N, C-alpha and C. Protein backbone atom coordinates (compact mmCIF):
# COMPACT_ATOMS: atom_id res chain seq x y z
N MET A 1 -23.68 14.35 -5.92
CA MET A 1 -23.81 14.64 -7.16
C MET A 1 -22.03 15.47 -7.20
N PHE A 2 -21.67 15.94 -6.11
CA PHE A 2 -20.53 16.77 -6.87
C PHE A 2 -19.72 15.76 -7.39
N ASN A 3 -19.46 14.85 -6.30
CA ASN A 3 -18.24 13.58 -7.05
C ASN A 3 -18.96 13.19 -7.86
N ARG A 4 -19.16 12.88 -8.94
CA ARG A 4 -19.55 13.20 -10.11
C ARG A 4 -19.30 14.25 -11.09
N LEU A 5 -19.53 15.60 -10.72
CA LEU A 5 -18.77 16.82 -11.40
C LEU A 5 -17.23 16.80 -11.09
N PHE A 6 -16.98 16.50 -9.82
CA PHE A 6 -15.43 17.09 -9.56
C PHE A 6 -14.36 16.09 -9.13
N GLY A 7 -14.88 14.90 -9.29
CA GLY A 7 -14.52 13.27 -9.44
C GLY A 7 -14.56 12.80 -7.70
N LYS A 8 -13.59 11.57 -8.09
CA LYS A 8 -13.08 10.98 -6.20
C LYS A 8 -12.25 11.85 -5.75
N PRO A 9 -11.75 12.17 -4.22
CA PRO A 9 -10.59 12.41 -3.66
C PRO A 9 -9.31 11.42 -4.56
N LYS A 10 -8.06 12.23 -4.51
CA LYS A 10 -7.19 11.08 -4.82
C LYS A 10 -5.97 10.64 -3.76
N GLU A 11 -6.70 10.25 -2.66
CA GLU A 11 -6.35 9.73 -1.52
C GLU A 11 -5.24 8.16 -2.06
N GLN A 12 -6.33 7.27 -3.27
CA GLN A 12 -6.40 5.76 -3.62
C GLN A 12 -5.42 6.18 -4.36
N ALA A 13 -4.76 7.09 -5.24
CA ALA A 13 -3.79 7.69 -5.79
C ALA A 13 -2.48 7.47 -4.90
N ASN A 14 -2.60 7.91 -3.85
CA ASN A 14 -1.29 7.92 -3.28
C ASN A 14 -0.58 6.67 -3.17
N ALA A 15 -1.64 5.93 -2.92
CA ALA A 15 -1.40 4.52 -2.29
C ALA A 15 -0.76 3.70 -3.29
N GLY A 16 -1.16 4.19 -4.37
CA GLY A 16 -0.88 3.70 -5.71
C GLY A 16 0.67 3.70 -5.66
N ALA A 17 0.91 5.39 -6.24
CA ALA A 17 2.68 5.56 -6.09
C ALA A 17 3.04 5.25 -4.83
N LEU A 18 2.74 4.72 -3.71
CA LEU A 18 3.58 4.74 -2.73
C LEU A 18 4.20 3.15 -2.88
N ALA A 19 3.15 2.27 -3.68
CA ALA A 19 3.27 0.85 -3.70
C ALA A 19 4.38 0.90 -4.77
N THR A 20 3.81 1.76 -6.30
CA THR A 20 4.69 1.81 -7.31
C THR A 20 6.39 2.21 -6.92
N LEU A 21 6.37 2.94 -6.23
CA LEU A 21 8.12 3.27 -5.51
C LEU A 21 8.84 2.24 -4.74
N ASP A 22 7.98 1.65 -4.35
CA ASP A 22 8.40 0.52 -3.37
C ASP A 22 8.98 -0.44 -4.37
N LYS A 23 8.16 -0.77 -5.45
CA LYS A 23 8.57 -1.42 -6.53
C LYS A 23 9.75 -1.24 -7.03
N LEU A 24 9.94 -0.45 -7.73
CA LEU A 24 11.43 0.29 -8.05
C LEU A 24 11.85 0.23 -7.71
N ASN A 25 12.13 0.32 -5.96
CA ASN A 25 13.12 0.62 -5.91
C ASN A 25 13.75 -0.68 -5.58
N GLU A 26 13.12 -1.73 -4.91
CA GLU A 26 13.39 -3.41 -4.97
C GLU A 26 13.54 -4.08 -6.18
N THR A 27 13.08 -3.11 -7.34
CA THR A 27 13.92 -3.58 -8.57
C THR A 27 15.12 -3.24 -9.50
N LEU A 28 15.47 -1.58 -8.47
CA LEU A 28 16.47 -1.39 -8.76
C LEU A 28 17.85 -1.93 -8.34
N ASP A 29 17.30 -2.52 -7.49
CA ASP A 29 18.29 -2.41 -5.86
C ASP A 29 18.87 -4.27 -6.70
N MET A 30 17.95 -5.33 -7.45
CA MET A 30 18.17 -6.12 -7.87
C MET A 30 18.92 -6.23 -8.81
N LEU A 31 18.59 -5.46 -9.62
CA LEU A 31 19.86 -5.00 -10.84
C LEU A 31 20.92 -4.52 -11.13
N GLU A 32 21.16 -3.70 -9.78
CA GLU A 32 22.40 -3.29 -9.42
C GLU A 32 23.49 -4.52 -8.72
N LYS A 33 22.68 -5.21 -7.79
CA LYS A 33 23.13 -6.80 -7.66
C LYS A 33 23.65 -7.74 -9.02
N LYS A 34 22.61 -7.72 -10.12
CA LYS A 34 22.75 -8.40 -10.92
C LYS A 34 24.02 -7.92 -11.72
N GLU A 35 24.42 -6.30 -12.35
CA GLU A 35 25.27 -6.10 -12.58
C GLU A 35 26.89 -5.90 -11.68
N LYS A 36 26.80 -5.95 -10.21
CA LYS A 36 27.71 -6.95 -10.25
C LYS A 36 28.48 -7.90 -10.04
N VAL A 37 27.60 -8.17 -10.04
CA VAL A 37 27.68 -10.13 -10.49
C VAL A 37 28.16 -10.31 -12.10
N LEU A 38 28.12 -9.51 -12.73
CA LEU A 38 28.24 -9.99 -14.24
C LEU A 38 29.12 -9.07 -14.86
N GLU A 39 29.77 -8.02 -14.20
CA GLU A 39 30.76 -7.11 -13.52
C GLU A 39 32.29 -8.21 -13.24
N LYS A 40 31.85 -9.13 -11.87
CA LYS A 40 32.94 -9.37 -11.91
C LYS A 40 33.21 -11.24 -12.35
N LYS A 41 32.08 -11.31 -13.48
CA LYS A 41 32.54 -12.32 -14.45
C LYS A 41 32.93 -12.37 -15.64
N ALA A 42 33.07 -10.69 -15.73
CA ALA A 42 33.27 -10.36 -17.37
C ALA A 42 35.10 -10.39 -16.72
N GLY A 43 35.02 -9.76 -15.49
CA GLY A 43 36.71 -9.64 -15.32
C GLY A 43 37.77 -11.01 -15.33
N ALA A 44 37.05 -11.52 -14.85
CA ALA A 44 37.23 -13.16 -15.10
C ALA A 44 38.01 -13.51 -15.99
N GLU A 45 36.39 -13.56 -16.67
CA GLU A 45 36.81 -13.92 -18.05
C GLU A 45 37.54 -13.76 -18.72
N LEU A 46 38.22 -11.80 -19.05
CA LEU A 46 39.21 -11.27 -19.01
C LEU A 46 40.47 -11.57 -18.31
N GLU A 47 40.54 -11.33 -17.48
CA GLU A 47 41.84 -12.94 -17.48
C GLU A 47 41.92 -13.93 -17.64
N ARG A 48 41.18 -14.45 -17.81
CA ARG A 48 41.36 -15.75 -18.69
C ARG A 48 41.68 -15.51 -19.91
N ALA A 49 41.08 -14.70 -20.83
CA ALA A 49 41.16 -14.56 -21.73
C ALA A 49 42.94 -13.97 -22.08
N LYS A 50 43.24 -13.18 -21.24
CA LYS A 50 45.11 -12.56 -20.89
C LYS A 50 45.51 -13.59 -21.35
N GLU A 51 45.37 -14.52 -20.25
CA GLU A 51 46.19 -15.80 -19.68
C GLU A 51 46.38 -16.57 -21.12
N PHE A 52 45.41 -16.72 -21.68
CA PHE A 52 45.81 -18.19 -22.62
C PHE A 52 45.77 -16.90 -23.70
N SER A 53 45.75 -15.71 -24.21
CA SER A 53 46.34 -14.53 -25.53
C SER A 53 48.35 -15.24 -24.48
N LYS A 54 48.56 -15.27 -23.65
CA LYS A 54 49.63 -14.57 -23.40
C LYS A 54 50.61 -16.82 -23.48
N ALA A 55 50.14 -16.82 -23.18
CA ALA A 55 49.95 -18.64 -23.89
C ALA A 55 50.43 -19.19 -24.96
N LYS A 56 50.30 -18.47 -26.12
CA LYS A 56 48.94 -18.69 -27.15
C LYS A 56 48.17 -19.75 -27.62
N ASN A 57 47.98 -19.57 -26.43
CA ASN A 57 46.51 -20.72 -26.90
C ASN A 57 45.10 -19.98 -27.49
N LYS A 58 45.05 -19.11 -28.36
CA LYS A 58 44.22 -18.21 -29.37
C LYS A 58 42.87 -19.05 -29.41
């Protein structure tokens, strides 16, 4: 009867929260890696554009 009045214990919510935090950390790591790759590609394209500009091949 008291379970209906006061609800169930919050132990299950903690396990779900930890799983969510783990997933968010993995996603953050993946996004940071993607950011590094994209910055590297953007830098390469910028250098390529500078070379074309110097050669007047716009």
